[in-house]
Amino acid sequence: MGKREDLAGRTVVVTGASSGFGRGTALALGERGAHVVVAARRAAPLEEVVTQITGAGGSAVAVPTDVSDADAVEQLAAAAEERFGHIDVWVNNAAVGVMGLFWEVPVADHARLVDVDLKGMMFGAHAALRRFAARGEGVLVNVGSVAGEVPLAYQASYAAAKAGISSLGRSLNEELRLAGLGEQVTVSTILPWAADTPWWDHVGNYTGHAPRLSAMDDPDIVVEAIIDACTDPQQERPVGPKVRTARSSHRLFRELGERFSGKLSESEISKGTPVPDTAGALHEPVAEGTAVHGDTRERMVMEDAERRS
């Protein structure tokens, strides 16, 4: 049976579905015949996703949700069950970011990032796994990052949260095994490289320069990895050759790799166009950036050309 047939008729909750990986995943699931429940803070982009899925003959519902609110996440799960009966797969994808020297970023921004990126992941996992354990089956997909293993200068709290997500997935799989559910309920952690999505338009930024990072991936490869994990939930799924190389080199040459990563981040930041400090979408959503793909790589090409001229 192919993956399209595997997902047909299954109910999948996707958080952070208003843009980037989440939006791409929701649309891909709709194409494969899944019942898709999309969640994010921004209602209007969610309705666009639902319209696109249902307009193509699929099935979807939007549930505006701030994942940092445990009660709201529970209401999201209940809404999915009310509409489609039960949940087969839960994709924890919602995330925010902030860039800058750790001590120069307001502590409230660090706290908010942890609320969304780590606690929000835990709230989603809790709502999903209670239901999966009761039914005796289900797949939880958590979108982490290679930054959870390889340090990322100027994004310390983001890297810390992503490290927590990786550890959470490993621990949950062990608990499921001990509970006799390891074959029926699985947690899969996706480990992407930086990708060109609207995340870069939403990120809090205290570097003084427009955010950028070299060698960004296309978000489509991450979306495909998430879709694959829905039916083939490997415990950890590195996405792309850069992630596999970074993980291997960090284990073999830890100090050298960390120094190189830090210098690369510093170099990239200095190349960005000067911009004022902003909290971005950390505390309140912003209107711009609702597509799957971003335009950061295009901006970087222009910035590099201007610097050379």
Protein backbone atom coordinates (compact mmCIF):
# COMPACT_ATOMS: atom_id res chain seq x y z
CA MET A 1 0.00 0.00 0.00
CA GLY A 2 1.45 3.41 -0.97
CA LYS A 3 1.73 6.40 1.30
CA ARG A 4 -1.15 8.18 -0.42
CA GLU A 5 -3.44 5.27 0.48
CA ASP A 6 -1.92 5.00 3.97
CA LEU A 7 -3.00 8.56 4.81
CA ALA A 8 -6.39 8.54 3.11
CA GLY A 9 -9.13 8.86 5.71
CA ARG A 10 -6.75 9.39 8.61
CA THR A 11 -7.19 12.39 10.89
CA VAL A 12 -4.06 14.51 11.29
CA VAL A 13 -3.67 17.58 13.51
CA VAL A 14 -1.03 20.07 12.34
CA THR A 15 0.03 22.98 14.55
CA GLY A 16 1.79 26.03 13.16
CA ALA A 17 -0.17 25.51 9.94
CA SER A 18 -0.53 29.14 8.87
CA SER A 19 2.82 29.19 7.04
CA GLY A 20 6.06 27.35 6.40
CA PHE A 21 6.41 23.65 7.16
CA GLY A 22 2.99 23.46 8.80
CA ARG A 23 1.12 24.95 5.88
CA GLY A 24 3.02 22.79 3.39
CA THR A 25 2.35 19.68 5.45
CA ALA A 26 -1.37 20.43 5.76
CA LEU A 27 -1.74 20.95 2.02
CA ALA A 28 0.21 17.77 1.25
CA LEU A 29 -1.93 15.78 3.68
CA GLY A 30 -5.08 17.13 2.05
CA GLU A 31 -3.82 16.00 -1.34
CA ARG A 32 -3.31 12.51 0.10
CA GLY A 33 -6.88 12.26 1.35
CA ALA A 34 -6.31 12.84 5.07
CA HIS A 35 -8.78 14.68 7.29
CA VAL A 36 -6.67 17.70 8.25
CA VAL A 37 -7.10 19.81 11.39
CA VAL A 38 -5.03 22.98 11.08
CA ALA A 39 -4.04 25.12 14.06
CA ALA A 40 -2.13 28.38 14.56
CA ARG A 41 -2.74 31.77 16.11
CA ARG A 42 -3.72 33.43 12.81
CA ALA A 43 -7.27 32.50 11.79
CA ALA A 44 -7.33 34.00 8.29
CA PRO A 45 -4.36 32.02 6.88
CA LEU A 46 -5.81 28.84 8.39
CA GLU A 47 -9.07 29.43 6.56
CA GLU A 48 -7.07 29.85 3.34
CA VAL A 49 -5.53 26.42 3.90
CA VAL A 50 -8.94 24.88 4.57
CA THR A 51 -10.39 26.49 1.45
CA GLN A 52 -7.52 25.19 -0.66
CA ILE A 53 -7.88 21.65 0.68
CA THR A 54 -11.67 21.47 0.47
CA GLY A 55 -11.66 23.19 -2.92
CA ALA A 56 -9.61 20.26 -4.23
CA GLY A 57 -12.07 17.78 -2.77
CA GLY A 58 -10.32 17.21 0.56
CA SER A 59 -11.48 17.49 4.15
CA ALA A 60 -10.18 20.06 6.64
CA VAL A 61 -11.14 22.25 9.56
CA ALA A 62 -9.39 25.25 11.15
CA VAL A 63 -9.03 25.64 14.92
CA PRO A 64 -7.20 28.87 15.86
CA THR A 65 -4.90 27.92 18.75
CA ASP A 66 -2.03 29.35 20.77
CA VAL A 67 -0.06 26.22 21.64
CA SER A 68 1.43 27.87 24.73
CA ASP A 69 -2.05 27.59 26.32
CA ALA A 70 -2.58 24.03 27.57
CA ASP A 71 -6.36 24.46 27.73
CA ALA A 72 -6.43 25.72 24.15
CA VAL A 73 -4.42 22.69 22.99
CA GLU A 74 -6.87 20.38 24.75
CA GLN A 75 -9.73 22.20 23.03
CA LEU A 76 -7.94 21.68 19.70
CA ALA A 77 -7.82 17.93 20.32
CA ALA A 78 -11.47 17.87 21.36
CA ALA A 79 -12.48 19.81 18.24
CA ALA A 80 -10.62 17.33 16.03
CA GLU A 81 -12.41 14.42 17.71
CA GLU A 82 -15.78 16.12 17.47
CA ARG A 83 -15.35 16.69 13.74
CA PHE A 84 -13.65 13.46 12.67
CA GLY A 85 -14.16 10.97 15.51
CA HIS A 86 -10.57 10.39 16.58
CA ILE A 87 -6.98 11.51 15.91
CA ASP A 88 -4.51 9.24 14.11
CA VAL A 89 -1.50 11.55 13.81
CA TRP A 90 -0.51 14.73 15.65
CA VAL A 91 2.15 16.98 14.09
CA ASN A 92 3.72 19.34 16.64
CA ASN A 93 5.22 22.03 14.41
CA ALA A 94 4.43 25.47 15.85
CA ALA A 95 7.56 27.46 16.68
CA VAL A 96 8.83 31.00 17.12
CA GLY A 97 12.39 32.29 17.19
CA VAL A 98 14.57 35.10 18.45
CA MET A 99 18.09 36.09 17.36
CA GLY A 100 20.74 38.10 19.17
CA LEU A 101 23.37 37.80 21.86
CA PHE A 102 21.62 35.98 24.69
CA TRP A 103 22.07 38.74 27.29
CA GLU A 104 20.90 41.44 24.87
CA VAL A 105 17.57 39.73 24.14
CA PRO A 106 14.80 40.66 26.63
CA VAL A 107 14.22 37.83 29.09
CA ALA A 108 10.49 37.99 28.31
CA ASP A 109 11.30 37.02 24.72
CA HIS A 110 13.36 34.02 25.84
CA ALA A 111 10.52 32.96 28.14
CA ARG A 112 7.94 33.29 25.39
CA LEU A 113 10.06 31.19 23.04
CA VAL A 114 10.22 28.39 25.61
CA ASP A 115 6.46 28.66 26.19
CA VAL A 116 5.76 28.08 22.49
CA ASP A 117 8.62 25.93 21.23
CA LEU A 118 9.06 23.55 24.18
CA LYS A 119 6.03 23.81 26.46
CA GLY A 120 3.72 24.01 23.45
CA MET A 121 5.33 20.82 22.15
CA MET A 122 4.77 19.16 25.52
CA PHE A 123 1.13 20.27 25.67
CA GLY A 124 0.51 18.85 22.20
CA ALA A 125 2.32 15.63 23.06
CA HIS A 126 0.29 15.24 26.25
CA ALA A 127 -3.05 15.78 24.52
CA ALA A 128 -2.12 13.40 21.71
CA LEU A 129 -0.49 10.61 23.72
CA ARG A 130 -3.32 10.35 26.24
CA ARG A 131 -5.64 9.67 23.31
CA PHE A 132 -3.21 7.38 21.49
CA ALA A 133 -2.61 5.32 24.65
CA ALA A 134 -6.35 4.93 25.20
CA ARG A 135 -6.92 3.83 21.58
CA GLY A 136 -3.79 1.71 21.41
CA GLU A 137 -2.39 3.41 18.30
CA GLY A 138 -1.17 6.74 16.95
CA VAL A 139 1.81 8.69 15.67
CA LEU A 140 3.23 11.86 17.22
CA VAL A 141 5.53 13.88 14.96
CA ASN A 142 7.61 16.59 16.63
CA VAL A 143 9.48 19.08 14.45
CA GLY A 144 12.83 19.71 16.10
CA SER A 145 16.07 20.96 14.55
CA VAL A 146 19.70 20.06 14.06
CA ALA A 147 20.25 23.12 16.29
CA GLY A 148 19.18 20.89 19.17
CA GLU A 149 22.42 18.95 18.74
CA VAL A 150 24.83 21.37 17.07
CA PRO A 151 25.01 24.71 18.97
CA LEU A 152 23.61 27.75 17.18
CA ALA A 153 25.18 31.06 18.22
CA TYR A 154 22.79 34.04 18.41
CA GLN A 155 19.85 31.65 18.87
CA ALA A 156 20.67 30.16 22.27
CA SER A 157 17.15 29.78 23.65
CA TYR A 158 15.90 28.36 20.32
CA ALA A 159 18.69 25.77 20.31
CA ALA A 160 17.97 24.93 23.95
CA ALA A 161 14.28 24.38 23.23
CA LYS A 162 15.09 22.20 20.22
CA ALA A 163 17.48 20.12 22.32
CA GLY A 164 14.62 19.63 24.76
CA ILE A 165 12.38 18.44 21.92
CA SER A 166 14.90 15.79 20.87
CA SER A 167 15.27 14.57 24.45
CA LEU A 168 11.50 14.60 24.91
CA GLY A 169 11.00 12.34 21.90
CA ARG A 170 13.61 9.83 23.04
CA SER A 171 12.20 9.72 26.56
CA LEU A 172 8.61 9.35 25.38
CA ASN A 173 9.48 6.45 23.11
CA GLU A 174 11.14 4.68 26.03
CA GLU A 175 8.09 5.26 28.23
CA LEU A 176 5.81 3.92 25.49
CA ARG A 177 8.00 0.82 25.24
CA LEU A 178 7.86 0.29 29.00
CA ALA A 179 4.07 0.69 28.91
CA GLY A 180 3.79 -2.02 26.26
CA LEU A 181 2.79 0.50 23.58
CA GLY A 182 6.08 0.82 21.72
CA GLU A 183 4.84 -1.01 18.63
CA GLN A 184 1.49 0.78 18.46
CA VAL A 185 2.31 4.38 19.45
CA THR A 186 5.44 6.12 18.18
CA VAL A 187 7.11 9.52 18.53
CA SER A 188 9.15 10.71 15.54
CA THR A 189 11.39 13.78 15.76
CA ILE A 190 12.15 15.65 12.54
CA LEU A 191 15.61 17.26 12.42
CA PRO A 192 15.81 19.86 9.62
CA TRP A 193 18.48 22.34 8.65
CA ALA A 194 17.52 26.02 8.39
CA ALA A 195 14.99 26.38 5.57
CA ASP A 196 13.70 29.34 3.59
CA THR A 197 10.23 29.80 5.08
CA PRO A 198 8.45 32.90 6.45
CA TRP A 199 9.93 32.02 9.86
CA TRP A 200 12.67 34.50 8.97
CA ASP A 201 10.03 37.22 8.54
CA HIS A 202 8.54 36.38 11.94
CA VAL A 203 11.69 35.94 14.04
CA GLY A 204 12.46 38.28 16.93
CA ASN A 205 15.70 40.02 16.05
CA TYR A 206 18.19 41.94 18.19
CA THR A 207 21.26 41.60 15.95
CA GLY A 208 20.91 44.96 14.19
CA HIS A 209 20.84 43.21 10.81
CA ALA A 210 18.22 41.40 8.73
CA PRO A 211 18.25 37.71 9.72
CA ARG A 212 19.99 35.25 7.44
CA LEU A 213 21.89 31.95 7.48
CA SER A 214 23.96 30.37 4.75
CA ALA A 215 22.97 27.36 2.63
CA MET A 216 19.28 27.32 3.54
CA ASP A 217 17.29 24.28 2.42
CA ASP A 218 14.08 24.35 0.44
CA PRO A 219 11.15 23.76 2.82
CA ASP A 220 9.67 21.12 0.50
CA ILE A 221 12.19 18.50 1.65
CA VAL A 222 11.18 19.08 5.26
CA VAL A 223 7.49 18.84 4.41
CA GLU A 224 8.13 15.52 2.66
CA ALA A 225 10.02 14.23 5.73
CA ILE A 226 7.07 15.14 7.97
CA ILE A 227 4.66 13.39 5.62
CA ASP A 228 6.89 10.30 5.54
CA ALA A 229 7.00 10.26 9.35
CA CYS A 230 3.20 10.09 9.51
CA THR A 231 3.33 6.55 8.08
CA ASP A 232 6.96 5.58 8.80
CA PRO A 233 7.69 7.14 12.20
CA GLN A 234 11.40 6.64 12.74
CA GLN A 235 12.52 7.85 16.16
CA GLU A 236 14.68 10.58 14.60
CA ARG A 237 14.62 11.67 10.99
CA PRO A 238 17.51 13.93 9.88
CA VAL A 239 16.51 15.93 6.79
CA GLY A 240 19.09 16.35 4.05
CA PRO A 241 22.83 15.79 3.71
CA LYS A 242 23.81 18.97 5.59
CA VAL A 243 22.12 17.74 8.75
CA ARG A 244 23.71 14.31 8.55
CA THR A 245 27.13 15.85 7.95
CA ALA A 246 26.72 18.39 10.77
CA ARG A 247 25.70 15.72 13.27
CA SER A 248 28.56 13.41 12.33
CA SER A 249 31.21 16.13 12.33
CA HIS A 250 29.98 17.51 15.66
CA ARG A 251 30.38 14.09 17.27
CA LEU A 252 33.86 13.61 15.83
CA PHE A 253 35.21 17.16 16.07
CA ARG A 254 33.04 18.83 18.67
CA GLU A 255 35.08 21.90 19.59
CA LEU A 256 36.17 22.61 16.02
CA GLY A 257 32.60 22.22 14.74
CA GLU A 258 31.20 24.55 17.38
CA ARG A 259 33.81 27.23 16.66
CA PHE A 260 33.10 26.96 12.93
CA SER A 261 29.33 27.18 13.47
CA GLY A 262 29.72 30.25 15.65
CA LYS A 263 31.99 32.08 13.20
CA LEU A 264 29.61 31.23 10.36
CA SER A 265 26.64 32.66 12.25
CA GLU A 266 28.58 35.81 13.10
CA SER A 267 29.69 36.26 9.48
CA GLU A 268 26.20 35.80 8.10
CA ILE A 269 24.61 38.26 10.53
CA SER A 270 27.10 40.98 9.59
CA LYS A 271 26.07 40.68 5.93
CA GLY A 272 22.40 41.49 6.55
CA THR A 273 20.80 44.85 5.85
CA PRO A 274 20.71 47.07 8.97
CA VAL A 275 17.30 46.86 10.69
CA PRO A 276 15.86 47.98 14.05
CA ASP A 277 15.32 45.58 16.94
CA THR A 278 11.99 43.76 16.99
CA ALA A 279 10.19 41.04 18.96
CA GLY A 280 8.75 39.82 15.66
CA ALA A 281 5.85 37.38 16.08
CA LEU A 282 6.94 36.16 19.52
CA HIS A 283 4.16 37.73 21.55
CA GLU A 284 1.61 38.61 18.87
CA PRO A 285 1.24 37.20 15.35
CA VAL A 286 2.17 39.38 12.39
CA ALA A 287 0.23 39.70 9.14
CA GLU A 288 3.04 39.06 6.68
CA GLY A 289 4.46 35.68 5.80
CA THR A 290 1.70 33.15 5.13
CA ALA A 291 3.25 31.07 2.35
CA VAL A 292 5.16 27.79 2.54
CA HIS A 293 8.27 29.30 0.95
CA GLY A 294 10.06 32.44 2.06
CA ASP A 295 12.17 35.00 0.21
CA THR A 296 15.22 35.11 2.49
CA ARG A 297 17.54 33.41 0.02
CA GLU A 298 16.55 35.92 -2.65
CA ARG A 299 17.21 38.80 -0.24
CA MET A 300 20.59 37.31 0.65
CA VAL A 301 21.61 37.23 -3.02
CA MET A 302 20.70 40.92 -3.33
CA GLU A 303 22.57 41.82 -0.13
CA ASP A 304 25.67 39.96 -1.30
CA ALA A 305 25.53 41.63 -4.71
CA GLU A 306 25.24 45.09 -3.15
CA ARG A 307 28.17 44.39 -0.86
CA ARG A 308 30.37 43.38 -3.81
CA SER A 309 29.39 46.38 -5.94
